[in-house]
């Protein structure tokens, strides 16, 4: 269940955990994870659109 909570935080659907570690490197890591998750969602949407248009 922790993975889904973390993804919700990345997509701004949930408030961040106040008890999580707060360092500069962790902020960078979360930023990179947020970017990669957004790109993955965009790629999935593009694939779905291509499949729908082709059919």
N, C-alpha and C. Protein backbone atom coordinates (compact mmCIF):
# COMPACT_ATOMS: atom_id res chain seq x y z
N UNK A 1 0.82 -1.20 0.00
CA UNK A 1 0.00 0.00 0.00
C UNK A 1 0.86 1.26 0.00
N UNK A 2 2.10 1.16 0.45
CA UNK A 2 2.98 2.31 0.50
C UNK A 2 3.30 2.87 -0.88
N UNK A 3 3.37 2.00 -1.88
CA UNK A 3 3.68 2.45 -3.24
C UNK A 3 2.55 3.33 -3.77
N UNK A 4 1.31 2.93 -3.53
CA UNK A 4 0.18 3.72 -4.01
C UNK A 4 0.10 5.07 -3.30
N UNK A 5 0.42 5.10 -2.02
CA UNK A 5 0.44 6.37 -1.29
C UNK A 5 1.52 7.30 -1.85
N UNK A 6 2.69 6.73 -2.15
CA UNK A 6 3.79 7.53 -2.70
C UNK A 6 3.43 8.08 -4.07
N UNK A 7 2.78 7.26 -4.91
CA UNK A 7 2.36 7.74 -6.23
C UNK A 7 1.32 8.84 -6.10
N UNK A 8 0.43 8.73 -5.14
CA UNK A 8 -0.57 9.77 -4.92
C UNK A 8 0.10 11.08 -4.50
N UNK A 9 1.15 10.99 -3.70
CA UNK A 9 1.89 12.19 -3.32
C UNK A 9 2.59 12.81 -4.54
N UNK A 10 3.16 11.97 -5.41
CA UNK A 10 3.84 12.48 -6.60
C UNK A 10 2.87 13.20 -7.52
N UNK A 11 1.65 12.70 -7.62
CA UNK A 11 0.65 13.30 -8.51
C UNK A 11 -0.15 14.38 -7.81
N UNK A 12 0.27 14.79 -6.64
CA UNK A 12 -0.39 15.85 -5.86
C UNK A 12 -1.84 15.50 -5.52
N UNK A 13 -2.15 14.21 -5.36
CA UNK A 13 -3.48 13.78 -4.97
C UNK A 13 -3.58 13.63 -3.45
N UNK A 14 -2.45 13.70 -2.78
CA UNK A 14 -2.40 13.45 -1.35
C UNK A 14 -1.32 14.33 -0.73
N UNK A 15 -1.52 14.77 0.50
CA UNK A 15 -0.51 15.59 1.18
C UNK A 15 0.72 14.73 1.50
N UNK A 16 1.91 15.32 1.42
CA UNK A 16 3.12 14.56 1.74
C UNK A 16 3.16 14.16 3.21
N UNK A 17 3.83 13.06 3.47
CA UNK A 17 3.97 12.56 4.83
C UNK A 17 4.89 13.50 5.61
N UNK A 18 4.43 14.05 6.74
CA UNK A 18 5.30 14.99 7.49
C UNK A 18 6.47 14.29 8.17
N UNK A 19 6.44 12.98 8.32
CA UNK A 19 7.51 12.24 9.01
C UNK A 19 8.58 11.72 8.07
N UNK A 20 8.46 11.97 6.77
CA UNK A 20 9.46 11.44 5.84
C UNK A 20 10.77 12.22 5.99
N UNK A 21 11.89 11.60 5.62
CA UNK A 21 13.19 12.30 5.73
C UNK A 21 13.21 13.53 4.84
N UNK A 22 13.84 14.58 5.31
CA UNK A 22 13.85 15.84 4.58
C UNK A 22 15.30 16.27 4.32
N UNK A 23 15.84 15.82 3.20
CA UNK A 23 17.18 16.26 2.81
C UNK A 23 17.12 16.67 1.34
N UNK A 24 18.14 17.36 0.90
CA UNK A 24 18.17 17.85 -0.48
C UNK A 24 18.16 16.71 -1.47
N UNK A 25 18.88 15.61 -1.18
CA UNK A 25 18.96 14.48 -2.11
C UNK A 25 17.63 13.75 -2.22
N UNK A 26 16.91 13.67 -1.12
CA UNK A 26 15.59 13.02 -1.16
C UNK A 26 14.63 13.87 -2.01
N UNK A 27 14.73 15.19 -1.89
CA UNK A 27 13.89 16.07 -2.72
C UNK A 27 14.21 15.88 -4.20
N UNK A 28 15.49 15.77 -4.54
CA UNK A 28 15.87 15.51 -5.93
C UNK A 28 15.30 14.19 -6.42
N UNK A 29 15.41 13.16 -5.57
CA UNK A 29 14.92 11.84 -5.95
C UNK A 29 13.41 11.87 -6.19
N UNK A 30 12.67 12.55 -5.30
CA UNK A 30 11.23 12.63 -5.47
C UNK A 30 10.87 13.43 -6.73
N UNK A 31 11.64 14.46 -7.04
CA UNK A 31 11.40 15.22 -8.25
C UNK A 31 11.60 14.39 -9.51
N UNK A 32 12.67 13.62 -9.54
CA UNK A 32 12.94 12.75 -10.68
C UNK A 32 11.87 11.67 -10.81
N UNK A 33 11.46 11.11 -9.69
CA UNK A 33 10.39 10.11 -9.72
C UNK A 33 9.09 10.71 -10.23
N UNK A 34 8.80 11.94 -9.82
CA UNK A 34 7.58 12.62 -10.27
C UNK A 34 7.61 12.82 -11.79
N UNK A 35 8.75 13.24 -12.33
CA UNK A 35 8.89 13.46 -13.77
C UNK A 35 8.72 12.14 -14.53
N UNK A 36 9.37 11.08 -14.05
CA UNK A 36 9.27 9.80 -14.76
C UNK A 36 7.86 9.24 -14.70
N UNK A 37 7.17 9.42 -13.60
CA UNK A 37 5.79 8.95 -13.50
C UNK A 37 4.88 9.72 -14.45
N UNK A 38 5.06 11.02 -14.55
CA UNK A 38 4.25 11.83 -15.47
C UNK A 38 4.51 11.42 -16.92
N UNK A 39 5.77 11.19 -17.29
CA UNK A 39 6.10 10.77 -18.65
C UNK A 39 5.50 9.40 -18.95
N UNK A 40 5.51 8.50 -17.98
CA UNK A 40 4.92 7.18 -18.16
C UNK A 40 3.42 7.30 -18.41
N UNK A 41 2.74 8.14 -17.65
CA UNK A 41 1.30 8.31 -17.83
C UNK A 41 1.01 8.92 -19.21
N UNK A 42 1.80 9.89 -19.63
CA UNK A 42 1.61 10.48 -20.96
C UNK A 42 1.82 9.43 -22.05
N UNK A 43 2.84 8.59 -21.90
CA UNK A 43 3.10 7.55 -22.90
C UNK A 43 1.95 6.55 -22.97
N UNK A 44 1.39 6.16 -21.83
CA UNK A 44 0.26 5.24 -21.82
C UNK A 44 -0.95 5.87 -22.50
N UNK A 45 -1.20 7.15 -22.25
CA UNK A 45 -2.32 7.85 -22.88
C UNK A 45 -2.13 7.88 -24.40
N UNK A 46 -0.89 8.16 -24.86
CA UNK A 46 -0.61 8.18 -26.30
C UNK A 46 -0.84 6.81 -26.92
N UNK A 47 -0.39 5.75 -26.24
CA UNK A 47 -0.61 4.40 -26.76
C UNK A 47 -2.09 4.06 -26.84
N UNK A 48 -2.86 4.44 -25.83
CA UNK A 48 -4.29 4.18 -25.86
C UNK A 48 -4.97 4.93 -27.00
N UNK A 49 -4.57 6.18 -27.21
CA UNK A 49 -5.15 6.96 -28.32
C UNK A 49 -4.81 6.32 -29.65
N UNK A 50 -3.56 5.87 -29.82
CA UNK A 50 -3.18 5.21 -31.08
C UNK A 50 -3.98 3.94 -31.31
N UNK A 51 -4.21 3.15 -30.27
CA UNK A 51 -4.99 1.94 -30.42
C UNK A 51 -6.44 2.23 -30.76
N UNK A 52 -7.01 3.26 -30.18
CA UNK A 52 -8.40 3.62 -30.44
C UNK A 52 -8.55 4.17 -31.86
N UNK A 53 -7.63 5.01 -32.30
CA UNK A 53 -7.72 5.60 -33.63
C UNK A 53 -7.51 4.55 -34.71
N UNK A 54 -6.62 3.60 -34.48
CA UNK A 54 -6.32 2.57 -35.46
C UNK A 54 -7.49 1.62 -35.64
N UNK A 55 -8.24 1.37 -34.59
CA UNK A 55 -9.34 0.39 -34.66
C UNK A 55 -10.52 0.87 -35.44
